[in-house]
Protein backbone atom coordinates (compact mmCIF):
# COMPACT_ATOMS: atom_id res chain seq x y z
CA MET A 1 6.58 151.41 3.70
CA ILE A 2 6.45 149.00 6.52
CA LEU A 3 3.18 150.21 7.67
CA ILE A 4 1.88 150.17 3.89
CA GLN A 5 3.05 146.57 3.73
CA PHE A 6 1.55 145.68 6.96
CA TRP A 7 -1.88 147.04 6.06
CA LEU A 8 -1.89 145.51 2.35
CA THR A 9 -0.98 142.19 3.73
CA THR A 10 -3.68 142.23 6.59
CA LEU A 11 -6.51 143.40 4.01
CA MET A 12 -5.28 140.53 1.46
CA ILE A 13 -5.42 138.01 4.20
CA ILE A 14 -8.93 139.15 5.48
CA GLY A 15 -10.15 139.58 2.17
CA VAL A 16 -9.10 136.08 1.06
CA THR A 17 -10.27 134.40 4.07
CA ILE A 18 -13.75 136.26 3.83
CA TRP A 19 -13.93 135.54 -0.03
CA PHE A 20 -13.21 131.73 0.68
CA LEU A 21 -15.72 131.42 3.29
CA VAL A 22 -18.35 133.23 1.44
CA GLU A 23 -17.70 131.20 -1.97
CA GLN A 24 -18.17 128.11 0.39
CA TRP A 25 -21.27 129.10 1.67
CA ARG A 26 -22.57 130.06 -1.79
CA SER A 27 -21.14 126.90 -3.26
CA ARG A 28 -23.64 125.67 -6.34
CA PRO A 29 -21.11 123.44 -8.39
CA PRO A 30 -22.78 121.43 -11.26
CA TYR A 31 -20.97 118.12 -9.94
CA LEU A 32 -19.87 116.82 -6.78
CA TRP A 33 -16.14 116.24 -8.03
CA ASN A 34 -16.20 120.18 -8.50
CA TRP A 35 -17.36 120.75 -5.13
CA LEU A 36 -14.89 118.48 -3.69
CA ILE A 37 -11.86 119.97 -5.30
CA ASP A 38 -13.10 123.49 -4.63
CA THR A 39 -13.40 122.63 -0.99
CA LEU A 40 -10.01 120.96 -0.97
CA SER A 41 -8.16 124.05 -2.29
CA ARG A 42 -10.01 126.20 0.14
CA ALA A 43 -9.28 123.78 3.19
CA LEU A 44 -5.62 123.74 2.29
CA PHE A 45 -5.55 127.54 2.20
CA PHE A 46 -6.96 127.53 5.78
CA ILE A 47 -4.36 124.91 6.83
CA LEU A 48 -1.51 126.95 5.35
CA LEU A 49 -2.93 130.07 7.19
CA PHE A 50 -2.95 127.97 10.33
CA PHE A 51 0.58 127.41 10.23
CA ILE A 52 2.12 130.40 8.85
CA GLY A 53 -0.40 133.34 9.80
CA THR A 54 0.74 136.22 12.30
CA TRP A 55 -1.97 135.27 14.79
CA ASP A 56 -0.72 137.66 17.40
CA VAL A 57 -1.90 140.41 15.19
CA TYR A 58 -5.30 139.07 14.39
CA GLY A 59 -5.88 137.45 17.68
CA TYR A 60 -4.63 134.01 18.55
CA TYR A 61 -8.15 132.49 19.27
CA LEU A 62 -9.20 133.30 15.70
CA ARG A 63 -6.84 130.92 14.68
CA PHE A 64 -8.90 128.20 15.78
CA LEU A 65 -12.29 129.75 15.16
CA ILE A 66 -11.70 130.34 11.45
CA PRO A 67 -11.15 126.59 10.58
CA ILE A 68 -14.38 125.44 13.01
CA LEU A 69 -16.43 128.20 10.97
CA PHE A 70 -15.16 126.82 7.76
CA LEU A 71 -15.98 123.11 8.73
CA ILE A 72 -19.64 124.18 9.49
CA ILE A 73 -19.84 125.63 6.25
CA VAL A 74 -18.46 122.87 4.45
CA LEU A 75 -20.99 120.45 6.11
CA ARG A 76 -23.80 122.95 5.34
CA SER A 77 -22.76 123.16 1.69
CA PHE A 78 -22.37 119.42 1.22
CA PHE A 79 -25.81 118.63 2.50
CA GLN A 80 -27.25 121.07 -0.15
CA ILE A 81 -25.30 119.64 -2.99
CA LYS A 82 -24.85 115.78 -2.12
CA HIS A 83 -27.72 115.13 -4.73
CA LEU A 84 -25.74 116.11 -7.61
CA PRO A 85 -24.01 113.81 -10.05
CA TRP A 86 -20.54 112.82 -9.03
CA ARG A 87 -18.50 113.72 -11.99
CA PRO A 88 -18.49 115.77 -15.23
CA SER A 89 -18.35 114.24 -18.53
CA LYS A 90 -15.45 115.08 -20.56
CA LYS A 91 -17.73 117.18 -23.12
CA ASP A 92 -18.28 119.56 -20.06
CA LYS A 93 -15.16 121.59 -20.55
CA GLN A 94 -15.97 124.35 -18.28
CA ALA A 95 -16.26 122.12 -15.40
CA MET A 96 -13.01 120.23 -16.42
CA VAL A 97 -11.10 123.56 -16.58
CA SER A 98 -12.59 124.68 -13.04
CA ILE A 99 -11.25 121.24 -11.77
CA GLY A 100 -7.93 121.54 -13.28
CA ILE A 101 -7.22 125.23 -11.83
CA ASN A 102 -8.36 124.00 -8.41
CA ILE A 103 -6.03 120.97 -8.60
CA LEU A 104 -3.11 123.37 -9.26
CA VAL A 105 -4.27 125.78 -6.65
CA SER A 106 -4.27 122.74 -4.12
CA ILE A 107 -0.92 121.58 -5.21
CA THR A 108 0.45 125.10 -4.63
CA PHE A 109 -1.07 125.49 -1.20
CA GLY A 110 0.13 121.76 -0.25
CA TYR A 111 3.84 122.65 -1.22
CA PHE A 112 3.84 125.71 0.93
CA ILE A 113 2.09 123.62 3.91
CA ILE A 114 5.10 120.87 3.45
CA GLN A 115 7.64 123.88 3.54
CA ALA A 116 6.04 125.09 6.80
CA LEU A 117 6.05 121.68 8.24
CA VAL A 118 9.67 121.05 7.49
CA GLY A 119 10.49 123.92 9.74
CA PHE A 120 9.17 122.10 12.86
CA SER A 121 12.24 119.95 13.16
CA TYR A 122 16.17 120.56 13.29
CA SER A 123 19.07 118.56 12.47
CA ASP A 124 22.01 120.26 14.33
CA HIS A 125 23.10 119.75 17.96
CA PRO A 126 20.80 121.93 20.18
CA ILE A 127 21.52 123.91 23.29
CA HIS A 128 19.13 123.69 26.29
CA LEU A 129 18.19 127.15 27.83
CA GLN A 130 16.12 128.64 30.40
CA PHE A 131 13.29 130.73 28.99
CA PRO A 132 14.50 134.60 29.67
CA LEU A 133 10.93 135.90 30.34
CA LYS A 134 8.66 134.97 33.24
CA ASN A 135 5.51 137.04 33.52
CA GLY A 136 2.83 136.25 30.98
CA THR A 137 1.65 134.20 28.02
CA TYR A 138 4.46 134.59 25.22
CA TYR A 139 4.02 133.97 21.42
CA VAL A 140 6.56 132.97 18.80
CA GLY A 141 6.31 135.35 15.95
CA HIS A 142 9.29 133.93 14.19
CA GLY A 143 10.70 130.40 14.89
CA GLY A 144 11.55 127.22 13.32
CA SER A 145 13.67 125.93 10.51
CA SER A 146 12.17 127.26 7.46
CA THR A 147 12.15 130.69 5.94
CA LEU A 148 8.41 130.47 5.62
CA ILE A 149 7.76 130.56 9.42
CA ASN A 150 11.06 132.20 10.37
CA TYR A 151 12.70 134.86 8.10
CA HIS A 152 16.08 134.57 10.03
CA HIS A 153 16.63 131.18 8.75
CA ARG A 154 18.03 132.51 5.68
CA TYR A 155 21.11 133.84 7.58
CA SER A 156 23.36 131.12 8.75
CA PRO A 157 24.23 132.49 12.40
CA GLN A 158 20.42 133.36 13.11
CA GLU A 159 18.98 130.33 11.09
CA TYR A 160 17.13 129.05 14.41
CA ALA A 161 16.54 132.72 15.95
CA LEU A 162 13.34 133.32 17.80
CA ASP A 163 11.25 136.70 17.93
CA ILE A 164 9.12 136.35 20.95
CA LEU A 165 5.95 138.63 21.87
CA LYS A 166 3.45 138.71 24.73
CA LEU A 167 -0.17 138.21 24.39
CA ASN A 168 -2.81 139.78 26.62
CA ARG A 169 -5.90 137.85 27.66
CA PHE A 170 -7.72 138.28 24.52
CA GLY A 171 -4.77 136.79 22.45
CA TYR A 172 -3.44 140.14 20.97
CA ARG A 173 0.15 141.33 21.25
CA ALA A 174 -0.89 144.85 21.51
CA ASN A 175 -3.72 147.42 22.05
CA GLY A 176 -4.72 147.71 18.54
CA LEU A 177 -3.42 146.42 15.03
CA TYR A 178 -0.32 148.53 14.99
CA PRO A 179 -0.25 151.00 17.56
CA SER A 180 2.34 153.73 17.37
CA ALA A 181 3.06 153.97 21.17
CA LEU A 182 5.48 151.38 22.69
CA ASP A 183 3.76 150.87 25.87
CA GLN A 184 0.79 149.84 23.66
CA TYR A 185 2.78 146.35 23.27
CA GLU A 186 2.21 143.77 25.83
CA ILE A 187 5.86 142.79 25.88
CA TYR A 188 7.50 146.25 26.15
CA GLY A 189 9.36 146.59 29.35
CA GLU A 190 9.39 143.14 30.30
CA THR A 191 12.30 141.87 32.54
CA ILE A 192 14.81 139.65 30.93
CA TYR A 193 16.54 137.06 32.55
CA SER A 194 19.84 135.36 31.58
CA PRO A 195 18.85 132.03 29.98
CA CYS A 196 22.09 130.22 30.99
CA LYS A 197 25.20 130.24 33.37
CA GLY A 198 28.07 131.79 31.25
CA LYS A 199 30.04 135.00 30.58
CA ILE A 200 29.04 138.24 29.04
CA VAL A 201 31.31 138.61 26.08
CA HIS A 202 29.48 141.81 24.49
CA VAL A 203 27.24 144.61 25.59
CA HIS A 204 25.79 147.40 23.53
CA ASP A 205 23.81 150.06 25.30
CA GLY A 206 22.67 153.75 24.54
CA LEU A 207 20.78 153.43 21.24
CA LYS A 208 17.68 155.33 21.35
CA GLU A 209 14.29 153.28 20.44
CA LEU A 210 12.27 153.95 17.49
CA GLN A 211 8.51 154.41 16.79
CA PRO A 212 6.90 150.89 16.01
CA ASN A 213 6.98 150.51 12.03
CA GLN A 214 10.10 152.77 11.57
CA MET A 215 12.99 150.22 11.53
CA ASN A 216 16.73 151.14 11.75
CA ASN A 217 17.82 149.91 8.42
CA GLN A 218 15.11 152.39 6.82
CA THR A 219 16.16 155.45 8.93
CA LYS A 220 19.09 157.27 7.72
CA LYS A 221 20.76 158.19 10.90
CA TYR A 222 20.99 154.55 11.96
CA ARG A 223 21.06 152.80 8.35
CA THR A 224 24.39 151.17 9.23
CA ASP A 225 24.45 151.01 12.78
CA HIS A 226 23.95 147.93 15.18
CA PRO A 227 20.93 146.00 13.85
CA ALA A 228 20.76 144.25 17.11
CA GLY A 229 20.01 147.39 19.01
CA ASN A 230 21.05 147.37 22.62
CA GLN A 231 21.98 143.94 23.25
CA VAL A 232 23.89 141.44 25.25
CA THR A 233 25.84 138.35 24.21
CA ILE A 234 26.47 135.59 26.63
CA GLN A 235 29.12 132.84 26.21
CA CYS A 236 27.49 129.63 27.30
CA LYS A 237 29.89 126.83 27.08
CA ASP A 238 31.03 126.78 23.43
CA VAL A 239 27.84 128.75 22.34
CA LYS A 240 27.29 132.20 22.16
CA VAL A 241 23.59 133.30 23.09
CA GLN A 242 22.49 137.08 21.94
CA ILE A 243 19.60 138.77 23.08
CA ALA A 244 18.59 142.04 21.19
CA HIS A 245 16.48 145.14 20.93
CA MET A 246 16.50 146.25 24.77
CA ILE A 247 15.36 149.54 26.12
CA PRO A 248 18.37 151.87 26.37
CA GLY A 249 19.73 152.21 30.01
CA SER A 250 18.16 148.84 31.03
CA ILE A 251 21.04 146.42 30.67
CA LYS A 252 22.29 145.45 34.10
CA VAL A 253 25.26 143.34 33.33
CA LYS A 254 28.86 144.43 32.08
CA LYS A 255 31.37 142.85 29.48
CA GLY A 256 33.53 140.22 31.14
CA GLU A 257 30.90 139.48 34.09
CA LYS A 258 29.99 136.18 34.86
CA VAL A 259 26.19 135.37 35.32
CA ASP A 260 24.10 132.61 36.58
CA GLU A 261 20.63 131.53 35.21
CA ASN A 262 17.74 133.99 35.90
CA ARG A 263 20.16 136.86 36.41
CA VAL A 264 18.39 140.11 35.17
CA ILE A 265 19.75 141.39 31.91
CA GLY A 266 17.71 144.06 30.93
CA ARG A 267 14.36 144.97 29.42
CA VAL A 268 12.46 144.23 26.24
CA GLY A 269 12.66 147.26 24.10
CA ASN A 270 12.40 148.50 20.45
CA SER A 271 15.86 149.48 19.49
CA GLY A 272 17.79 148.48 16.49
CA ASN A 273 16.52 146.91 13.38
CA THR A 274 13.12 145.97 14.59
CA SER A 275 9.57 147.01 13.53
CA GLU A 276 7.93 146.67 16.93
CA PRO A 277 8.93 145.66 20.46
CA HIS A 278 9.80 142.11 20.90
CA MET A 279 12.63 139.93 22.28
CA HIS A 280 14.92 138.49 19.61
CA ILE A 281 17.29 135.58 20.86
CA HIS A 282 19.65 133.40 19.12
CA ALA A 283 22.36 131.08 19.51
CA GLU A 284 25.54 130.40 17.45
CA ARG A 285 28.53 128.23 17.38
CA LYS A 286 31.53 129.22 15.28
CA GLY A 287 29.23 131.47 12.94
CA LYS A 288 26.62 128.89 12.52
CA GLY A 289 23.15 128.83 14.14
CA VAL A 290 22.31 126.54 16.94
CA PRO A 291 18.67 125.17 17.71
CA ILE A 292 17.48 126.38 20.99
CA LEU A 293 15.45 124.20 23.29
CA PHE A 294 13.31 125.79 26.17
CA HIS A 295 12.39 123.22 28.62
CA GLY A 296 13.03 120.66 25.95
CA LYS A 297 10.84 122.25 23.39
CA PHE A 298 12.00 123.52 19.92
CA LEU A 299 9.73 126.62 19.28
CA LYS A 300 8.16 127.43 16.12
CA ARG A 301 5.70 130.21 14.80
CA ASN A 302 2.48 130.35 16.58
CA ASP A 303 3.79 128.41 19.64
CA LEU A 304 2.84 129.66 23.07
CA LEU A 305 4.61 129.46 26.48
CA SER A 306 2.34 129.91 29.27
CA PRO A 307 3.32 130.98 32.88
CA LEU A 308 3.29 127.25 33.70
CA ASP A 309 6.02 126.67 31.21
CA THR A 310 8.37 129.56 32.35
CA PRO A 311 10.75 129.20 35.16
CA SER A 312 9.39 130.56 38.65
């Protein structure tokens, strides 16, 4: 089911992107006003896609190439239609209806853009942590304070949770769109280090890993078991920090043990309620989510952390 949803979403995004680019290229409206509103609705779509798209799947560099391509096409189409009359008469009902529809589309895209931007800030008191990965360029798949860019946000203890992946030099998180082999994902097997000084208050290990796209809550044997998979929870002052989905047998700490920053915790895997290898981390205080700042930065979907940003 997850694989079907993935391909349907992928085809829809690619299809709409190509359609809008082609329609902008072929744009031959009867009036400049129609061209302007048509272009605005398409531009807002690409702005929305820029913020909420999963660019680790489609290629991080494509995130910037598509807007550049669209801008070039917009300029081309403008010079082809700039001689047209500015606005339609009220008698031209077809042109007026087209304008009305595209205004509604623009308002819809604009609303979702605002919802995405809301997720760029936080109101609760944050915790400052060291980033627990050290060897590459890391990508935020889910992060922020809005459900549009972070599906965890609807759950109070995890409302500021982060799902972290790793990108290769071409800007992809895996060798292929959705490979079935765990080792085809760049982050798989990465060493995880303690993000803070504290005490280990919970450890769970021994859960087997699943093939990507086969989540625990959709597998009969694991339907009610440990959605965090193999995981470690650290008490950092008054905040509990949980790191989840590790490789079975890779956890190097025990409950009750005190740890310092950069102590090896385990390795990134694909155990628990997860559709592919990634590192999940969240912080909570008395059952409520706490914003996490890594090196003073609040991370959102599509943010990157390079080797220069991570601790040595």
